[in-house]
Full PDB file with SEQRES, HELIX, SHEET, SSBOND, CRYST1, ORIGX, SCALE, CONECT and MASTER records, all heavy atoms in Angstrom:
SEQRES   1 A   34  SER VAL ILE ALA ILE LYS GLU ASN VAL PHE TYR ASP GLU          
SEQRES   2 A   34  ASN ARG LYS ASN ARG VAL VAL LEU THR PRO THR ALA LEU          
SEQRES   3 A   34  PHE MET ASP TYR LYS ASN TYR THR                              
SHEET    1 AA1 3 ASN A   8  TYR A  11  0                                        
SHEET    2 AA1 3 ASN A  17  LEU A  21 -1                                        
SHEET    3 AA1 3 LEU A  26  TYR A  30 -1                                        
CRYST1    1.000    1.000    1.000  90.00  90.00  90.00 P 1           1          
ORIGX1      1.000000  0.000000  0.000000        0.00000                         
ORIGX2      0.000000  1.000000  0.000000        0.00000                         
ORIGX3      0.000000  0.000000  1.000000        0.00000                         
SCALE1      1.000000  0.000000  0.000000        0.00000                         
SCALE2      0.000000  1.000000  0.000000        0.00000                         
SCALE3      0.000000  0.000000  1.000000        0.00000                         
ATOM      1  N   SER A   1       0.842  -1.192  -0.001  1.00  0.00           N  
ATOM      2  CA  SER A   1      -0.001  -0.003  -0.001  1.00  0.00           C  
ATOM      3  C   SER A   1       0.879   1.249   0.000  1.00  0.00           C  
ATOM      4  O   SER A   1       2.066   1.197   0.327  1.00  0.00           O  
ATOM      5  CB  SER A   1      -0.931   0.004   1.212  1.00  0.00           C  
ATOM      6  OG  SER A   1      -0.177  -0.001   2.420  1.00  0.00           O  
ATOM      7  N   VAL A   2       0.290   2.377  -0.358  1.00  0.00           N  
ATOM      8  CA  VAL A   2       1.006   3.637  -0.384  1.00  0.00           C  
ATOM      9  C   VAL A   2       0.432   4.561   0.671  1.00  0.00           C  
ATOM     10  O   VAL A   2      -0.779   4.760   0.754  1.00  0.00           O  
ATOM     11  CB  VAL A   2       0.887   4.305  -1.775  1.00  0.00           C  
ATOM     12  CG1 VAL A   2       1.581   5.681  -1.769  1.00  0.00           C  
ATOM     13  CG2 VAL A   2       1.516   3.415  -2.842  1.00  0.00           C  
ATOM     14  N   ILE A   3       1.310   5.107   1.515  1.00  0.00           N  
ATOM     15  CA  ILE A   3       0.866   6.007   2.580  1.00  0.00           C  
ATOM     16  C   ILE A   3       1.709   7.276   2.565  1.00  0.00           C  
ATOM     17  O   ILE A   3       2.805   7.297   1.994  1.00  0.00           O  
ATOM     18  CB  ILE A   3       0.967   5.349   3.985  1.00  0.00           C  
ATOM     19  CG1 ILE A   3       2.422   4.991   4.308  1.00  0.00           C  
ATOM     20  CG2 ILE A   3       0.079   4.119   4.071  1.00  0.00           C  
ATOM     21  CD1 ILE A   3       2.625   4.550   5.735  1.00  0.00           C  
ATOM     22  N   ALA A   4       1.167   8.302   3.179  1.00  0.00           N  
ATOM     23  CA  ALA A   4       1.898   9.558   3.310  1.00  0.00           C  
ATOM     24  C   ALA A   4       2.746   9.518   4.574  1.00  0.00           C  
ATOM     25  O   ALA A   4       2.223   9.277   5.670  1.00  0.00           O  
ATOM     26  CB  ALA A   4       0.924  10.742   3.370  1.00  0.00           C  
ATOM     27  N   ILE A   5       4.027   9.687   4.437  1.00  0.00           N  
ATOM     28  CA  ILE A   5       4.956   9.668   5.571  1.00  0.00           C  
ATOM     29  C   ILE A   5       5.399  11.097   5.867  1.00  0.00           C  
ATOM     30  O   ILE A   5       5.967  11.773   5.013  1.00  0.00           O  
ATOM     31  CB  ILE A   5       6.192   8.802   5.287  1.00  0.00           C  
ATOM     32  CG1 ILE A   5       5.793   7.334   5.081  1.00  0.00           C  
ATOM     33  CG2 ILE A   5       7.207   8.931   6.406  1.00  0.00           C  
ATOM     34  CD1 ILE A   5       5.305   6.653   6.331  1.00  0.00           C  
ATOM     35  N   LYS A   6       5.130  11.522   7.067  1.00  0.00           N  
ATOM     36  CA  LYS A   6       5.572  12.842   7.512  1.00  0.00           C  
ATOM     37  C   LYS A   6       6.554  12.644   8.657  1.00  0.00           C  
ATOM     38  O   LYS A   6       6.218  12.059   9.673  1.00  0.00           O  
ATOM     39  CB  LYS A   6       4.380  13.680   7.977  1.00  0.00           C  
ATOM     40  CG  LYS A   6       4.747  15.047   8.503  1.00  0.00           C  
ATOM     41  CD  LYS A   6       3.501  15.778   9.000  1.00  0.00           C  
ATOM     42  CE  LYS A   6       3.841  17.137   9.570  1.00  0.00           C  
ATOM     43  NZ  LYS A   6       2.634  17.841  10.082  1.00  0.00           N  
ATOM     44  N   GLU A   7       7.770  13.117   8.470  1.00  0.00           N  
ATOM     45  CA  GLU A   7       8.767  13.017   9.523  1.00  0.00           C  
ATOM     46  C   GLU A   7       8.644  14.210  10.457  1.00  0.00           C  
ATOM     47  O   GLU A   7       8.900  15.351  10.039  1.00  0.00           O  
ATOM     48  CB  GLU A   7      10.174  12.957   8.934  1.00  0.00           C  
ATOM     49  CG  GLU A   7      10.554  11.622   8.379  1.00  0.00           C  
ATOM     50  CD  GLU A   7      12.058  11.475   8.181  1.00  0.00           C  
ATOM     51  OE1 GLU A   7      12.770  12.494   8.328  1.00  0.00           O  
ATOM     52  OE2 GLU A   7      12.515  10.354   7.912  1.00  0.00           O  
ATOM     53  N   ASN A   8       8.233  13.952  11.678  1.00  0.00           N  
ATOM     54  CA  ASN A   8       8.226  14.987  12.692  1.00  0.00           C  
ATOM     55  C   ASN A   8       9.545  14.882  13.459  1.00  0.00           C  
ATOM     56  O   ASN A   8       9.781  13.893  14.168  1.00  0.00           O  
ATOM     57  CB  ASN A   8       7.056  14.774  13.648  1.00  0.00           C  
ATOM     58  CG  ASN A   8       5.710  14.851  12.926  1.00  0.00           C  
ATOM     59  OD1 ASN A   8       5.204  15.931  12.674  1.00  0.00           O  
ATOM     60  ND2 ASN A   8       5.151  13.702  12.574  1.00  0.00           N  
ATOM     61  N   VAL A   9      10.411  15.854  13.288  1.00  0.00           N  
ATOM     62  CA  VAL A   9      11.763  15.800  13.834  1.00  0.00           C  
ATOM     63  C   VAL A   9      11.910  16.799  14.969  1.00  0.00           C  
ATOM     64  O   VAL A   9      11.542  17.981  14.837  1.00  0.00           O  
ATOM     65  CB  VAL A   9      12.816  16.083  12.743  1.00  0.00           C  
ATOM     66  CG1 VAL A   9      14.216  15.900  13.286  1.00  0.00           C  
ATOM     67  CG2 VAL A   9      12.595  15.188  11.531  1.00  0.00           C  
ATOM     68  N   PHE A  10      12.465  16.322  16.084  1.00  0.00           N  
ATOM     69  CA  PHE A  10      12.687  17.150  17.263  1.00  0.00           C  
ATOM     70  C   PHE A  10      14.164  17.088  17.612  1.00  0.00           C  
ATOM     71  O   PHE A  10      14.703  15.988  17.841  1.00  0.00           O  
ATOM     72  CB  PHE A  10      11.871  16.652  18.445  1.00  0.00           C  
ATOM     73  CG  PHE A  10      10.380  16.601  18.211  1.00  0.00           C  
ATOM     74  CD1 PHE A  10       9.807  15.566  17.474  1.00  0.00           C  
ATOM     75  CD2 PHE A  10       9.541  17.582  18.735  1.00  0.00           C  
ATOM     76  CE1 PHE A  10       8.432  15.503  17.258  1.00  0.00           C  
ATOM     77  CE2 PHE A  10       8.179  17.524  18.528  1.00  0.00           C  
ATOM     78  CZ  PHE A  10       7.622  16.494  17.798  1.00  0.00           C  
ATOM     79  N   TYR A  11      14.831  18.239  17.673  1.00  0.00           N  
ATOM     80  CA  TYR A  11      16.251  18.296  18.025  1.00  0.00           C  
ATOM     81  C   TYR A  11      16.457  18.815  19.438  1.00  0.00           C  
ATOM     82  O   TYR A  11      15.629  19.598  19.942  1.00  0.00           O  
ATOM     83  CB  TYR A  11      16.994  19.230  17.062  1.00  0.00           C  
ATOM     84  CG  TYR A  11      17.116  18.738  15.639  1.00  0.00           C  
ATOM     85  CD1 TYR A  11      16.186  19.120  14.680  1.00  0.00           C  
ATOM     86  CD2 TYR A  11      18.160  17.906  15.256  1.00  0.00           C  
ATOM     87  CE1 TYR A  11      16.284  18.684  13.359  1.00  0.00           C  
ATOM     88  CE2 TYR A  11      18.275  17.470  13.943  1.00  0.00           C  
ATOM     89  CZ  TYR A  11      17.339  17.855  13.007  1.00  0.00           C  
ATOM     90  OH  TYR A  11      17.445  17.414  11.710  1.00  0.00           O  
ATOM     91  N   ASP A  12      17.584  18.403  20.028  1.00  0.00           N  
ATOM     92  CA  ASP A  12      17.974  19.047  21.283  1.00  0.00           C  
ATOM     93  C   ASP A  12      18.611  20.387  20.961  1.00  0.00           C  
ATOM     94  O   ASP A  12      18.781  20.751  19.790  1.00  0.00           O  
ATOM     95  CB  ASP A  12      18.891  18.148  22.110  1.00  0.00           C  
ATOM     96  CG  ASP A  12      20.260  17.922  21.482  1.00  0.00           C  
ATOM     97  OD1 ASP A  12      20.519  18.464  20.381  1.00  0.00           O  
ATOM     98  OD2 ASP A  12      21.075  17.211  22.100  1.00  0.00           O  
ATOM     99  N   GLU A  13      18.987  21.139  21.997  1.00  0.00           N  
ATOM    100  CA  GLU A  13      19.451  22.515  21.784  1.00  0.00           C  
ATOM    101  C   GLU A  13      20.756  22.580  20.984  1.00  0.00           C  
ATOM    102  O   GLU A  13      21.047  23.585  20.339  1.00  0.00           O  
ATOM    103  CB  GLU A  13      19.628  23.224  23.131  1.00  0.00           C  
ATOM    104  CG  GLU A  13      20.614  22.565  24.063  1.00  0.00           C  
ATOM    105  CD  GLU A  13      20.691  23.249  25.419  1.00  0.00           C  
ATOM    106  OE1 GLU A  13      19.877  24.169  25.668  1.00  0.00           O  
ATOM    107  OE2 GLU A  13      21.579  22.876  26.208  1.00  0.00           O  
ATOM    108  N   ASN A  14      21.550  21.520  21.005  1.00  0.00           N  
ATOM    109  CA  ASN A  14      22.792  21.495  20.248  1.00  0.00           C  
ATOM    110  C   ASN A  14      22.630  20.896  18.849  1.00  0.00           C  
ATOM    111  O   ASN A  14      23.586  20.847  18.086  1.00  0.00           O  
ATOM    112  CB  ASN A  14      23.849  20.707  21.020  1.00  0.00           C  
ATOM    113  CG  ASN A  14      24.203  21.351  22.340  1.00  0.00           C  
ATOM    114  OD1 ASN A  14      24.367  22.559  22.406  1.00  0.00           O  
ATOM    115  ND2 ASN A  14      24.290  20.552  23.384  1.00  0.00           N  
ATOM    116  N   ARG A  15      21.427  20.397  18.565  1.00  0.00           N  
ATOM    117  CA  ARG A  15      21.104  19.792  17.283  1.00  0.00           C  
ATOM    118  C   ARG A  15      22.005  18.595  16.973  1.00  0.00           C  
ATOM    119  O   ARG A  15      22.233  18.274  15.798  1.00  0.00           O  
ATOM    120  CB  ARG A  15      21.158  20.831  16.140  1.00  0.00           C  
ATOM    121  CG  ARG A  15      20.215  22.004  16.342  1.00  0.00           C  
ATOM    122  CD  ARG A  15      20.273  22.968  15.179  1.00  0.00           C  
ATOM    123  NE  ARG A  15      19.635  22.385  14.014  1.00  0.00           N  
ATOM    124  CZ  ARG A  15      18.332  22.455  13.727  1.00  0.00           C  
ATOM    125  NH1 ARG A  15      17.516  23.104  14.546  1.00  0.00           N  
ATOM    126  NH2 ARG A  15      17.833  21.904  12.639  1.00  0.00           N  
ATOM    127  N   LYS A  16      22.484  17.952  18.008  1.00  0.00           N  
ATOM    128  CA  LYS A  16      23.296  16.752  17.842  1.00  0.00           C  
ATOM    129  C   LYS A  16      22.462  15.477  18.023  1.00  0.00           C  
ATOM    130  O   LYS A  16      22.804  14.419  17.483  1.00  0.00           O  
ATOM    131  CB  LYS A  16      24.456  16.749  18.853  1.00  0.00           C  
ATOM    132  CG  LYS A  16      25.484  17.848  18.666  1.00  0.00           C  
ATOM    133  CD  LYS A  16      26.301  17.646  17.404  1.00  0.00           C  
ATOM    134  CE  LYS A  16      27.436  18.639  17.310  1.00  0.00           C  
ATOM    135  NZ  LYS A  16      28.239  18.463  16.077  1.00  0.00           N  
ATOM    136  N   ASN A  17      21.424  15.597  18.811  1.00  0.00           N  
ATOM    137  CA  ASN A  17      20.557  14.467  19.096  1.00  0.00           C  
ATOM    138  C   ASN A  17      19.126  14.798  18.653  1.00  0.00           C  
ATOM    139  O   ASN A  17      18.716  15.955  18.689  1.00  0.00           O  
ATOM    140  CB  ASN A  17      20.558  14.135  20.593  1.00  0.00           C  
ATOM    141  CG  ASN A  17      21.958  13.904  21.111  1.00  0.00           C  
ATOM    142  OD1 ASN A  17      22.814  13.359  20.421  1.00  0.00           O  
ATOM    143  ND2 ASN A  17      22.225  14.348  22.331  1.00  0.00           N  
ATOM    144  N   ARG A  18      18.390  13.772  18.250  1.00  0.00           N  
ATOM    145  CA  ARG A  18      17.050  14.050  17.740  1.00  0.00           C  
ATOM    146  C   ARG A  18      16.108  12.883  18.002  1.00  0.00           C  
ATOM    147  O   ARG A  18      16.524  11.731  18.182  1.00  0.00           O  
ATOM    148  CB  ARG A  18      17.099  14.335  16.244  1.00  0.00           C  
ATOM    149  CG  ARG A  18      17.598  13.171  15.410  1.00  0.00           C  
ATOM    150  CD  ARG A  18      17.573  13.461  13.917  1.00  0.00           C  
ATOM    151  NE  ARG A  18      18.023  12.287  13.179  1.00  0.00           N  
ATOM    152  CZ  ARG A  18      17.670  12.002  11.934  1.00  0.00           C  
ATOM    153  NH1 ARG A  18      16.889  12.831  11.260  1.00  0.00           N  
ATOM    154  NH2 ARG A  18      18.114  10.915  11.327  1.00  0.00           N  
ATOM    155  N   VAL A  19      14.823  13.214  18.003  1.00  0.00           N  
ATOM    156  CA  VAL A  19      13.754  12.218  18.006  1.00  0.00           C  
ATOM    157  C   VAL A  19      13.004  12.388  16.689  1.00  0.00           C  
ATOM    158  O   VAL A  19      12.693  13.514  16.280  1.00  0.00           O  
ATOM    159  CB  VAL A  19      12.790  12.437  19.193  1.00  0.00           C  
ATOM    160  CG1 VAL A  19      11.547  11.580  19.035  1.00  0.00           C  
ATOM    161  CG2 VAL A  19      13.494  12.115  20.499  1.00  0.00           C  
ATOM    162  N   VAL A  20      12.732  11.290  16.021  1.00  0.00           N  
ATOM    163  CA  VAL A  20      11.977  11.316  14.776  1.00  0.00           C  
ATOM    164  C   VAL A  20      10.747  10.420  14.935  1.00  0.00           C  
ATOM    165  O   VAL A  20      10.862   9.258  15.351  1.00  0.00           O  
ATOM    166  CB  VAL A  20      12.825  10.827  13.583  1.00  0.00           C  
ATOM    167  CG1 VAL A  20      11.990  10.851  12.301  1.00  0.00           C  
ATOM    168  CG2 VAL A  20      14.067  11.692  13.428  1.00  0.00           C  
ATOM    169  N   LEU A  21       9.584  10.970  14.602  1.00  0.00           N  
ATOM    170  CA  LEU A  21       8.332  10.243  14.717  1.00  0.00           C  
ATOM    171  C   LEU A  21       7.610  10.298  13.374  1.00  0.00           C  
ATOM    172  O   LEU A  21       7.365  11.376  12.835  1.00  0.00           O  
ATOM    173  CB  LEU A  21       7.464  10.850  15.823  1.00  0.00           C  
ATOM    174  CG  LEU A  21       6.169  10.129  16.174  1.00  0.00           C  
ATOM    175  CD1 LEU A  21       6.435   8.700  16.621  1.00  0.00           C  
ATOM    176  CD2 LEU A  21       5.425  10.890  17.264  1.00  0.00           C  
ATOM    177  N   THR A  22       7.319   9.132  12.816  1.00  0.00           N  
ATOM    178  CA  THR A  22       6.608   9.022  11.548  1.00  0.00           C  
ATOM    179  C   THR A  22       5.422   8.092  11.745  1.00  0.00           C  
ATOM    180  O   THR A  22       5.287   7.455  12.808  1.00  0.00           O  
ATOM    181  CB  THR A  22       7.528   8.469  10.448  1.00  0.00           C  
ATOM    182  OG1 THR A  22       7.646   7.040  10.601  1.00  0.00           O  
ATOM    183  CG2 THR A  22       8.908   9.108  10.475  1.00  0.00           C  
ATOM    184  N   PRO A  23       4.558   7.928  10.750  1.00  0.00           N  
ATOM    185  CA  PRO A  23       3.469   6.962  10.886  1.00  0.00           C  
ATOM    186  C   PRO A  23       3.928   5.524  11.057  1.00  0.00           C  
ATOM    187  O   PRO A  23       3.153   4.676  11.485  1.00  0.00           O  
ATOM    188  CB  PRO A  23       2.691   7.135   9.570  1.00  0.00           C  
ATOM    189  CG  PRO A  23       2.945   8.534   9.165  1.00  0.00           C  
ATOM    190  CD  PRO A  23       4.383   8.772   9.542  1.00  0.00           C  
ATOM    191  N   THR A  24       5.181   5.224  10.746  1.00  0.00           N  
ATOM    192  CA  THR A  24       5.650   3.827  10.799  1.00  0.00           C  
ATOM    193  C   THR A  24       6.693   3.563  11.877  1.00  0.00           C  
ATOM    194  O   THR A  24       7.015   2.391  12.142  1.00  0.00           O  
ATOM    195  CB  THR A  24       6.248   3.422   9.443  1.00  0.00           C  
ATOM    196  OG1 THR A  24       7.339   4.298   9.129  1.00  0.00           O  
ATOM    197  CG2 THR A  24       5.204   3.487   8.349  1.00  0.00           C  
ATOM    198  N   ALA A  25       7.228   4.586  12.525  1.00  0.00           N  
ATOM    199  CA  ALA A  25       8.307   4.329  13.489  1.00  0.00           C  
ATOM    200  C   ALA A  25       8.563   5.541  14.403  1.00  0.00           C  
ATOM    201  O   ALA A  25       8.261   6.693  14.057  1.00  0.00           O  
ATOM    202  CB  ALA A  25       9.596   3.996  12.756  1.00  0.00           C  
ATOM    203  N   LEU A  26       9.139   5.237  15.551  1.00  0.00           N  
ATOM    204  CA  LEU A  26       9.690   6.221  16.469  1.00  0.00           C  
ATOM    205  C   LEU A  26      11.153   5.856  16.673  1.00  0.00           C  
ATOM    206  O   LEU A  26      11.469   4.707  16.984  1.00  0.00           O  
ATOM    207  CB  LEU A  26       8.963   6.169  17.819  1.00  0.00           C  
ATOM    208  CG  LEU A  26       9.672   6.813  19.017  1.00  0.00           C  
ATOM    209  CD1 LEU A  26       9.688   8.335  18.879  1.00  0.00           C  
ATOM    210  CD2 LEU A  26       9.034   6.394  20.333  1.00  0.00           C  
ATOM    211  N   PHE A  27      12.042   6.841  16.492  1.00  0.00           N  
ATOM    212  CA  PHE A  27      13.420   6.531  16.832  1.00  0.00           C  
ATOM    213  C   PHE A  27      14.138   7.749  17.405  1.00  0.00           C  
ATOM    214  O   PHE A  27      13.790   8.894  17.116  1.00  0.00           O  
ATOM    215  CB  PHE A  27      14.207   5.933  15.652  1.00  0.00           C  
ATOM    216  CG  PHE A  27      14.433   6.835  14.474  1.00  0.00           C  
ATOM    217  CD1 PHE A  27      15.566   7.634  14.402  1.00  0.00           C  
ATOM    218  CD2 PHE A  27      13.526   6.863  13.431  1.00  0.00           C  
ATOM    219  CE1 PHE A  27      15.797   8.445  13.299  1.00  0.00           C  
ATOM    220  CE2 PHE A  27      13.757   7.670  12.312  1.00  0.00           C  
ATOM    221  CZ  PHE A  27      14.878   8.458  12.251  1.00  0.00           C  
ATOM    222  N   MET A  28      15.107   7.453  18.253  1.00  0.00           N  
ATOM    223  CA  MET A  28      15.952   8.445  18.881  1.00  0.00           C  
ATOM    224  C   MET A  28      17.380   8.230  18.389  1.00  0.00           C  
ATOM    225  O   MET A  28      17.888   7.114  18.439  1.00  0.00           O  
ATOM    226  CB  MET A  28      15.868   8.348  20.399  1.00  0.00           C  
ATOM    227  CG  MET A  28      16.625   9.420  21.150  1.00  0.00           C  
ATOM    228  SD  MET A  28      16.381   9.256  22.950  1.00  0.00           S  
ATOM    229  CE  MET A  28      14.675   9.750  23.132  1.00  0.00           C  
ATOM    230  N   ASP A  29      17.991   9.288  17.898  1.00  0.00           N  
ATOM    231  CA  ASP A  29      19.286   9.206  17.239  1.00  0.00           C  
ATOM    232  C   ASP A  29      20.255  10.157  17.947  1.00  0.00           C  
ATOM    233  O   ASP A  29      20.071  11.367  17.902  1.00  0.00           O  
ATOM    234  CB  ASP A  29      19.101   9.576  15.768  1.00  0.00           C  
ATOM    235  CG  ASP A  29      20.389   9.536  14.965  1.00  0.00           C  
ATOM    236  OD1 ASP A  29      21.346   8.919  15.449  1.00  0.00           O  
ATOM    237  OD2 ASP A  29      20.415  10.116  13.870  1.00  0.00           O  
ATOM    238  N   TYR A  30      21.279   9.583  18.599  1.00  0.00           N  
ATOM    239  CA  TYR A  30      22.265  10.382  19.334  1.00  0.00           C  
ATOM    240  C   TYR A  30      23.574  10.459  18.562  1.00  0.00           C  
ATOM    241  O   TYR A  30      24.199   9.433  18.277  1.00  0.00           O  
ATOM    242  CB  TYR A  30      22.566   9.741  20.700  1.00  0.00           C  
ATOM    243  CG  TYR A  30      21.527   9.940  21.763  1.00  0.00           C  
ATOM    244  CD1 TYR A  30      20.440   9.071  21.873  1.00  0.00           C  
ATOM    245  CD2 TYR A  30      21.634  10.960  22.685  1.00  0.00           C  
ATOM    246  CE1 TYR A  30      19.497   9.240  22.869  1.00  0.00           C  
ATOM    247  CE2 TYR A  30      20.685  11.125  23.679  1.00  0.00           C  
ATOM    248  CZ  TYR A  30      19.629  10.258  23.769  1.00  0.00           C  
ATOM    249  OH  TYR A  30      18.693  10.413  24.744  1.00  0.00           O  
ATOM    250  N   LYS A  31      24.007  11.666  18.261  1.00  0.00           N  
ATOM    251  CA  LYS A  31      25.360  11.881  17.749  1.00  0.00           C  
ATOM    252  C   LYS A  31      26.271  12.393  18.871  1.00  0.00           C  
ATOM    253  O   LYS A  31      27.483  12.436  18.709  1.00  0.00           O  
ATOM    254  CB  LYS A  31      25.336  12.895  16.599  1.00  0.00           C  
ATOM    255  CG  LYS A  31      24.527  12.423  15.383  1.00  0.00           C  
ATOM    256  CD  LYS A  31      25.220  11.283  14.674  1.00  0.00           C  
ATOM    257  CE  LYS A  31      24.377  10.752  13.506  1.00  0.00           C  
ATOM    258  NZ  LYS A  31      24.073  11.757  12.493  1.00  0.00           N  
ATOM    259  N   ASN A  32      25.649  12.835  19.967  1.00  0.00           N  
ATOM    260  CA  ASN A  32      26.383  13.296  21.143  1.00  0.00           C  
ATOM    261  C   ASN A  32      25.860  12.525  22.345  1.00  0.00           C  
ATOM    262  O   ASN A  32      25.079  13.017  23.150  1.00  0.00           O  
ATOM    263  CB  ASN A  32      26.190  14.802  21.330  1.00  0.00           C  
ATOM    264  CG  ASN A  32      27.000  15.353  22.500  1.00  0.00           C  
ATOM    265  OD1 ASN A  32      28.018  14.755  22.889  1.00  0.00           O  
ATOM    266  ND2 ASN A  32      26.564  16.451  23.058  1.00  0.00           N  
ATOM    267  N   TYR A  33      26.317  11.276  22.457  1.00  0.00           N  
ATOM    268  CA  TYR A  33      25.838  10.354  23.487  1.00  0.00           C  
ATOM    269  C   TYR A  33      26.625  10.544  24.757  1.00  0.00           C  
ATOM    270  O   TYR A  33      27.863  10.646  24.721  1.00  0.00           O  
ATOM    271  CB  TYR A  33      25.991   8.926  22.975  1.00  0.00           C  
ATOM    272  CG  TYR A  33      25.616   7.830  23.934  1.00  0.00           C  
ATOM    273  CD1 TYR A  33      24.306   7.396  24.065  1.00  0.00           C  
ATOM    274  CD2 TYR A  33      26.584   7.190  24.708  1.00  0.00           C  
ATOM    275  CE1 TYR A  33      23.968   6.357  24.923  1.00  0.00           C  
ATOM    276  CE2 TYR A  33      26.276   6.166  25.567  1.00  0.00           C  
ATOM    277  CZ  TYR A  33      24.947   5.741  25.669  1.00  0.00           C  
ATOM    278  OH  TYR A  33      24.625   4.708  26.526  1.00  0.00           O  
ATOM    279  N   THR A  34      25.939  10.571  25.894  1.00  0.00           N  
ATOM    280  CA  THR A  34      26.627  10.724  27.179  1.00  0.00           C  
ATOM    281  C   THR A  34      26.522   9.487  28.057  1.00  0.00           C  
ATOM    282  O   THR A  34      27.528   9.057  28.635  1.00  0.00           O  
ATOM    283  CB  THR A  34      26.084  11.935  27.941  1.00  0.00           C  
ATOM    284  OG1 THR A  34      24.651  11.867  27.999  1.00  0.00           O  
ATOM    285  CG2 THR A  34      26.497  13.240  27.246  1.00  0.00           C  
TER     286      THR A  34                                                      
MASTER        0    0    0    0    3    0    0    6  285    1    0    3          
END                                                                             
């Protein structure tokens, strides 16, 4: 099937880490992991 995917992207204040929420997935991506 074909669906509309909208990436809702949320960055931290340094824009190194982000949360991405789409109709098919939630993921957290750290480039500055502590």
